[in-house]
Amino acid sequence: MREGNENLVRVTPPAAEKIAALQAREKLGDWLRVAITGGGCNGLSYKMKFTAEPRRGDIVVHSAGAAVVVDPKTALYLKGTELDYSDKMIGGGFKFANPNAKASCSCGESFSV
């Protein structure tokens, strides 16, 4: 496990607040794992899940009170990304602002590089 910083991923205060609420409700772990996988309408998609602990080789980022873990492969695509949250009825939810994405879909859940 390596310590990263907000140059890799930055969590906004609204996103950190929602992450904490979900962690308390779901009780699946204190770490938010952010991963990028193949799939989605633009080729790559974001995945988030709670985990009990980081894996060997993971990069850990503490941002706005949230503890995020990222695997090294995902880190290549994620660098400089901001994770935000909006509770708007339309277009709400978690949003990734990724400066590496050349194109992204309207739902904000997939992108291409």
Protein backbone atom coordinates (compact mmCIF):
# COMPACT_ATOMS: atom_id res chain seq x y z
CA MET A 1 0.00 0.00 0.00
CA ARG A 2 1.30 3.43 -0.97
CA GLU A 3 0.17 6.84 0.19
CA GLY A 4 -1.14 9.05 -2.61
CA ASN A 5 -2.48 12.58 -2.61
CA GLU A 6 -5.17 14.74 -4.16
CA ASN A 7 -3.15 15.00 -7.40
CA LEU A 8 -4.48 11.50 -8.08
CA VAL A 9 -8.08 11.95 -6.96
CA ARG A 10 -9.78 14.74 -5.02
CA VAL A 11 -13.05 14.23 -3.18
CA THR A 12 -15.27 17.29 -2.76
CA PRO A 13 -16.92 17.93 0.63
CA PRO A 14 -20.42 16.98 -0.68
CA ALA A 15 -19.03 13.68 -2.03
CA ALA A 16 -17.20 12.96 1.25
CA GLU A 17 -20.40 13.60 3.19
CA LYS A 18 -22.36 11.17 1.00
CA ILE A 19 -19.58 8.56 1.19
CA ALA A 20 -19.66 8.75 5.02
CA ALA A 21 -23.46 8.38 5.06
CA LEU A 22 -23.30 5.35 2.76
CA GLN A 23 -20.50 3.75 4.79
CA ALA A 24 -22.54 4.14 7.99
CA ARG A 25 -25.64 2.66 6.34
CA GLU A 26 -24.06 -0.22 4.43
CA LYS A 27 -21.29 -1.22 6.88
CA LEU A 28 -19.18 -2.86 4.15
CA GLY A 29 -15.85 -1.22 4.99
CA ASP A 30 -14.14 2.07 5.72
CA TRP A 31 -12.42 2.41 2.34
CA LEU A 32 -13.99 3.50 -0.94
CA ARG A 33 -12.43 1.57 -3.82
CA VAL A 34 -12.54 3.45 -7.12
CA ALA A 35 -11.73 1.37 -10.18
CA ILE A 36 -11.89 1.76 -13.93
CA THR A 37 -13.04 -1.23 -15.93
CA GLY A 38 -13.71 -1.96 -19.57
CA GLY A 39 -17.29 -1.41 -20.64
CA GLY A 40 -19.87 1.33 -20.75
CA CYS A 41 -20.96 3.27 -23.81
CA ASN A 42 -17.53 4.90 -24.24
CA GLY A 43 -15.20 1.96 -23.55
CA LEU A 44 -14.22 2.52 -19.90
CA SER A 45 -16.43 2.91 -16.86
CA TYR A 46 -16.04 3.91 -13.22
CA LYS A 47 -16.81 1.44 -10.45
CA MET A 48 -17.08 2.25 -6.76
CA LYS A 49 -17.52 -0.09 -3.81
CA PHE A 50 -16.65 -0.20 -0.14
CA THR A 51 -13.91 -2.49 1.04
CA ALA A 52 -12.64 -3.53 4.47
CA GLU A 53 -8.98 -2.83 3.68
CA PRO A 54 -6.60 -1.88 0.86
CA ARG A 55 -4.91 -4.58 -1.20
CA ARG A 56 -1.22 -4.98 -1.75
CA GLY A 57 -0.04 -2.37 -4.27
CA ASP A 58 -3.04 -0.08 -3.77
CA ILE A 59 -2.63 3.68 -3.59
CA VAL A 60 -4.45 5.30 -0.66
CA VAL A 61 -5.70 8.88 -0.86
CA HIS A 62 -7.25 10.79 2.04
CA SER A 63 -9.33 13.69 0.74
CA ALA A 64 -12.02 15.77 2.51
CA GLY A 65 -12.23 13.12 5.24
CA ALA A 66 -12.81 10.24 2.80
CA ALA A 67 -10.38 7.33 2.46
CA VAL A 68 -10.11 6.23 -1.20
CA VAL A 69 -8.13 3.26 -2.54
CA VAL A 70 -7.07 2.92 -6.16
CA ASP A 71 -5.17 0.11 -7.85
CA PRO A 72 -2.06 1.12 -9.88
CA LYS A 73 -3.70 0.41 -13.27
CA THR A 74 -6.70 2.61 -12.44
CA ALA A 75 -4.35 5.35 -11.20
CA LEU A 76 -3.01 5.76 -14.75
CA TYR A 77 -6.47 6.81 -15.98
CA LEU A 78 -7.62 8.62 -12.84
CA LYS A 79 -4.82 11.14 -12.28
CA GLY A 80 -6.22 14.61 -11.58
CA THR A 81 -9.84 13.43 -11.25
CA GLU A 82 -12.35 15.11 -8.96
CA LEU A 83 -15.17 13.08 -7.40
CA ASP A 84 -18.22 15.21 -6.63
CA TYR A 85 -21.77 14.51 -5.49
CA SER A 86 -25.03 16.26 -6.21
CA ASP A 87 -28.40 15.48 -4.66
CA LYS A 88 -30.36 17.03 -7.54
CA MET A 89 -33.39 15.04 -8.65
CA ILE A 90 -32.28 15.09 -12.30
CA GLY A 91 -28.60 14.57 -13.05
CA GLY A 92 -27.71 13.96 -9.39
CA GLY A 93 -25.41 11.36 -7.88
CA PHE A 94 -21.65 10.90 -7.94
CA LYS A 95 -19.84 12.60 -10.82
CA PHE A 96 -16.27 12.14 -12.00
CA ALA A 97 -14.50 15.12 -13.57
CA ASN A 98 -11.57 13.41 -15.28
CA PRO A 99 -9.10 15.60 -17.20
CA ASN A 100 -7.77 12.50 -19.01
CA ALA A 101 -11.11 11.66 -20.63
CA LYS A 102 -11.28 12.60 -24.31
CA ALA A 103 -15.01 11.82 -24.44
CA SER A 104 -17.61 10.84 -21.88
CA CYS A 105 -21.22 9.79 -22.02
CA SER A 106 -24.11 11.90 -20.82
CA CYS A 107 -24.61 9.72 -17.74
CA GLY A 108 -21.03 10.46 -16.59
CA GLU A 109 -20.35 6.82 -15.83
CA SER A 110 -18.19 5.97 -18.83
CA PHE A 111 -15.45 7.65 -20.82
CA SER A 112 -12.71 7.11 -23.37
CA VAL A 113 -9.07 8.21 -23.49
